[in-house]
Amino acid sequence: MSTALKHRKLTQAELTTEAAALFGNDPMRWAFRCPNCDDIASPADFKAAGAPPGMAGQECIGRSLGALKKPTPTNTRGCDWAAYGLFRGPWEVVVPAEDGKPERSIWAFPLAASAADA
């Protein structure tokens, strides 16, 4: 089993600390690895593709580039995988209770190994 596919549970604060240590304090530069196809994408990549930057870490960039449709020249990277789909993402990020909402888990892709991968 790939390291990227091993379940890991961490808090939102732990994810933020780890991402900042790897990629700096700008969340637009934080990079996530798709556990299905190994494509690495950041929120900046999603924004450049015309997609919501907040999808980084939960969807493969391929979904925003047309992987859900038949192949076109624009979907040359990524796949159609999503962390919230039939198969959950390998990382479980626990979001604290806030504004009357209970603590909850969000499933996500793992961070890329380093800024050099991004």
C-alpha atoms as a PDB file:
ATOM      1  CA  MET A   1       0.000   0.000   0.000  1.00  0.00           C
ATOM      2  CA  SER A   2       1.281   3.455  -0.917  1.00  0.00           C
ATOM      3  CA  THR A   3       2.101   5.812   1.953  1.00  0.00           C
ATOM      4  CA  ALA A   4      -0.335   8.288   0.418  1.00  0.00           C
ATOM      5  CA  LEU A   5      -3.175   5.790   0.901  1.00  0.00           C
ATOM      6  CA  LYS A   6      -2.598   5.096   4.587  1.00  0.00           C
ATOM      7  CA  HIS A   7      -5.234   6.592   6.856  1.00  0.00           C
ATOM      8  CA  ARG A   8      -4.011   9.509   8.903  1.00  0.00           C
ATOM      9  CA  LYS A   9      -6.115  11.484  11.344  1.00  0.00           C
ATOM     10  CA  LEU A  10      -5.018  14.998  12.259  1.00  0.00           C
ATOM     11  CA  THR A  11      -6.564  18.214  13.456  1.00  0.00           C
ATOM     12  CA  GLN A  12      -7.070  21.227  11.238  1.00  0.00           C
ATOM     13  CA  ALA A  13      -4.383  23.030  13.283  1.00  0.00           C
ATOM     14  CA  GLU A  14      -1.924  20.161  12.721  1.00  0.00           C
ATOM     15  CA  LEU A  15      -2.597  20.224   8.975  1.00  0.00           C
ATOM     16  CA  THR A  16      -2.083  23.992   8.865  1.00  0.00           C
ATOM     17  CA  THR A  17       1.180  23.748  10.813  1.00  0.00           C
ATOM     18  CA  GLU A  18       2.516  20.938   8.627  1.00  0.00           C
ATOM     19  CA  ALA A  19       1.511  22.647   5.368  1.00  0.00           C
ATOM     20  CA  ALA A  20       3.082  25.949   6.436  1.00  0.00           C
ATOM     21  CA  ALA A  21       6.312  24.161   7.383  1.00  0.00           C
ATOM     22  CA  LEU A  22       6.486  22.506   3.951  1.00  0.00           C
ATOM     23  CA  PHE A  23       5.213  25.283   1.684  1.00  0.00           C
ATOM     24  CA  GLY A  24       5.227  28.566   3.622  1.00  0.00           C
ATOM     25  CA  ASN A  25       2.406  30.602   5.091  1.00  0.00           C
ATOM     26  CA  ASP A  26       0.505  31.258   1.836  1.00  0.00           C
ATOM     27  CA  PRO A  27      -2.259  28.606   1.642  1.00  0.00           C
ATOM     28  CA  MET A  28      -2.495  29.131  -2.143  1.00  0.00           C
ATOM     29  CA  ARG A  29       0.906  27.407  -2.408  1.00  0.00           C
ATOM     30  CA  TRP A  30       0.075  24.378  -0.259  1.00  0.00           C
ATOM     31  CA  ALA A  31       0.206  21.297  -2.477  1.00  0.00           C
ATOM     32  CA  PHE A  32      -1.748  18.054  -2.211  1.00  0.00           C
ATOM     33  CA  ARG A  33      -1.081  14.696  -3.895  1.00  0.00           C
ATOM     34  CA  CYS A  34      -3.961  12.813  -5.470  1.00  0.00           C
ATOM     35  CA  PRO A  35      -3.888   9.311  -3.961  1.00  0.00           C
ATOM     36  CA  ASN A  36      -5.199   7.819  -7.217  1.00  0.00           C
ATOM     37  CA  CYS A  37      -2.976   9.315  -9.943  1.00  0.00           C
ATOM     38  CA  ASP A  38      -0.233  11.076  -7.889  1.00  0.00           C
ATOM     39  CA  ASP A  39      -0.856  14.450  -9.560  1.00  0.00           C
ATOM     40  CA  ILE A  40       0.160  17.319  -7.291  1.00  0.00           C
ATOM     41  CA  ALA A  41      -1.966  20.463  -7.226  1.00  0.00           C
ATOM     42  CA  SER A  42      -2.283  23.587  -5.106  1.00  0.00           C
ATOM     43  CA  PRO A  43      -5.154  26.027  -4.629  1.00  0.00           C
ATOM     44  CA  ALA A  44      -3.317  28.309  -7.104  1.00  0.00           C
ATOM     45  CA  ASP A  45      -3.545  25.525  -9.727  1.00  0.00           C
ATOM     46  CA  PHE A  46      -7.307  25.265  -9.177  1.00  0.00           C
ATOM     47  CA  LYS A  47      -7.704  29.035  -9.430  1.00  0.00           C
ATOM     48  CA  ALA A  48      -5.696  29.059 -12.677  1.00  0.00           C
ATOM     49  CA  ALA A  49      -8.025  26.337 -14.008  1.00  0.00           C
ATOM     50  CA  GLY A  50     -11.052  28.504 -13.203  1.00  0.00           C
ATOM     51  CA  ALA A  51     -12.123  26.275 -10.320  1.00  0.00           C
ATOM     52  CA  PRO A  52     -12.669  27.091  -6.640  1.00  0.00           C
ATOM     53  CA  PRO A  53      -9.252  27.066  -4.897  1.00  0.00           C
ATOM     54  CA  GLY A  54     -10.886  25.420  -1.869  1.00  0.00           C
ATOM     55  CA  MET A  55     -11.250  22.175  -3.813  1.00  0.00           C
ATOM     56  CA  ALA A  56      -7.493  21.546  -3.559  1.00  0.00           C
ATOM     57  CA  GLY A  57      -6.914  18.643  -1.241  1.00  0.00           C
ATOM     58  CA  GLN A  58     -10.407  17.285  -1.785  1.00  0.00           C
ATOM     59  CA  GLU A  59     -10.540  16.809  -5.561  1.00  0.00           C
ATOM     60  CA  CYS A  60      -7.945  15.899  -8.142  1.00  0.00           C
ATOM     61  CA  ILE A  61      -7.200  18.823 -10.477  1.00  0.00           C
ATOM     62  CA  GLY A  62      -8.291  16.557 -13.338  1.00  0.00           C
ATOM     63  CA  ARG A  63     -11.942  17.029 -12.329  1.00  0.00           C
ATOM     64  CA  SER A  64     -11.582  20.762 -12.986  1.00  0.00           C
ATOM     65  CA  LEU A  65      -9.760  20.121 -16.250  1.00  0.00           C
ATOM     66  CA  GLY A  66     -12.453  17.892 -17.730  1.00  0.00           C
ATOM     67  CA  ALA A  67     -11.692  14.360 -16.508  1.00  0.00           C
ATOM     68  CA  LEU A  68     -15.402  13.768 -15.895  1.00  0.00           C
ATOM     69  CA  LYS A  69     -16.040  14.349 -19.608  1.00  0.00           C
ATOM     70  CA  LYS A  70     -14.530  12.552 -22.550  1.00  0.00           C
ATOM     71  CA  PRO A  71     -10.813  13.299 -23.092  1.00  0.00           C
ATOM     72  CA  THR A  72     -10.006  16.728 -24.468  1.00  0.00           C
ATOM     73  CA  PRO A  73      -6.724  18.604 -24.908  1.00  0.00           C
ATOM     74  CA  THR A  74      -7.395  20.518 -21.668  1.00  0.00           C
ATOM     75  CA  ASN A  75      -7.535  17.509 -19.351  1.00  0.00           C
ATOM     76  CA  THR A  76      -3.953  16.392 -19.788  1.00  0.00           C
ATOM     77  CA  ARG A  77      -3.330  15.924 -16.082  1.00  0.00           C
ATOM     78  CA  GLY A  78      -5.042  14.420 -13.121  1.00  0.00           C
ATOM     79  CA  CYS A  79      -8.025  12.121 -12.853  1.00  0.00           C
ATOM     80  CA  ASP A  80     -11.609  12.257 -11.580  1.00  0.00           C
ATOM     81  CA  TRP A  81     -10.940  11.208  -7.979  1.00  0.00           C
ATOM     82  CA  ALA A  82     -12.489  13.051  -4.997  1.00  0.00           C
ATOM     83  CA  ALA A  83     -11.762  12.570  -1.291  1.00  0.00           C
ATOM     84  CA  TYR A  84     -15.450  12.832  -0.434  1.00  0.00           C
ATOM     85  CA  GLY A  85     -16.686  10.254  -2.930  1.00  0.00           C
ATOM     86  CA  LEU A  86     -17.349   6.553  -2.715  1.00  0.00           C
ATOM     87  CA  PHE A  87     -13.761   6.065  -1.494  1.00  0.00           C
ATOM     88  CA  ARG A  88     -12.831   8.589   1.158  1.00  0.00           C
ATOM     89  CA  GLY A  89      -9.541  10.452   1.061  1.00  0.00           C
ATOM     90  CA  PRO A  90      -6.783   8.865   3.098  1.00  0.00           C
ATOM     91  CA  TRP A  91      -6.439  11.845   5.453  1.00  0.00           C
ATOM     92  CA  GLU A  92      -9.127  12.672   7.984  1.00  0.00           C
ATOM     93  CA  VAL A  93      -8.916  16.292   9.115  1.00  0.00           C
ATOM     94  CA  VAL A  94     -10.835  17.044  12.295  1.00  0.00           C
ATOM     95  CA  VAL A  95     -12.354  20.523  12.193  1.00  0.00           C
ATOM     96  CA  PRO A  96     -13.105  21.953  15.647  1.00  0.00           C
ATOM     97  CA  ALA A  97     -16.587  22.846  16.844  1.00  0.00           C
ATOM     98  CA  GLU A  98     -17.448  26.412  15.884  1.00  0.00           C
ATOM     99  CA  ASP A  99     -20.463  28.746  15.839  1.00  0.00           C
ATOM    100  CA  GLY A 100     -22.731  26.104  17.346  1.00  0.00           C
ATOM    101  CA  LYS A 101     -21.631  23.459  14.824  1.00  0.00           C
ATOM    102  CA  PRO A 102     -20.155  20.253  16.270  1.00  0.00           C
ATOM    103  CA  GLU A 103     -16.645  18.987  15.617  1.00  0.00           C
ATOM    104  CA  ARG A 104     -16.558  17.144  12.282  1.00  0.00           C
ATOM    105  CA  SER A 105     -14.188  15.315   9.993  1.00  0.00           C
ATOM    106  CA  ILE A 106     -13.335  16.313   6.447  1.00  0.00           C
ATOM    107  CA  TRP A 107     -11.666  13.749   4.209  1.00  0.00           C
ATOM    108  CA  ALA A 108      -8.666  14.975   2.245  1.00  0.00           C
ATOM    109  CA  PHE A 109      -5.694  14.125   0.075  1.00  0.00           C
ATOM    110  CA  PRO A 110      -2.272  14.040   1.728  1.00  0.00           C
ATOM    111  CA  LEU A 111       0.106  16.948   1.403  1.00  0.00           C
ATOM    112  CA  ALA A 112       2.792  16.611  -1.247  1.00  0.00           C
ATOM    113  CA  ALA A 113       6.100  15.507   0.260  1.00  0.00           C
ATOM    114  CA  SER A 114       7.802  18.885  -0.188  1.00  0.00           C
ATOM    115  CA  ALA A 115       7.722  22.217  -1.984  1.00  0.00           C
ATOM    116  CA  ALA A 116      10.044  20.682  -4.593  1.00  0.00           C
ATOM    117  CA  ASP A 117       7.202  18.315  -5.572  1.00  0.00           C
ATOM    118  CA  ALA A 118       4.722  21.153  -6.043  1.00  0.00           C
END
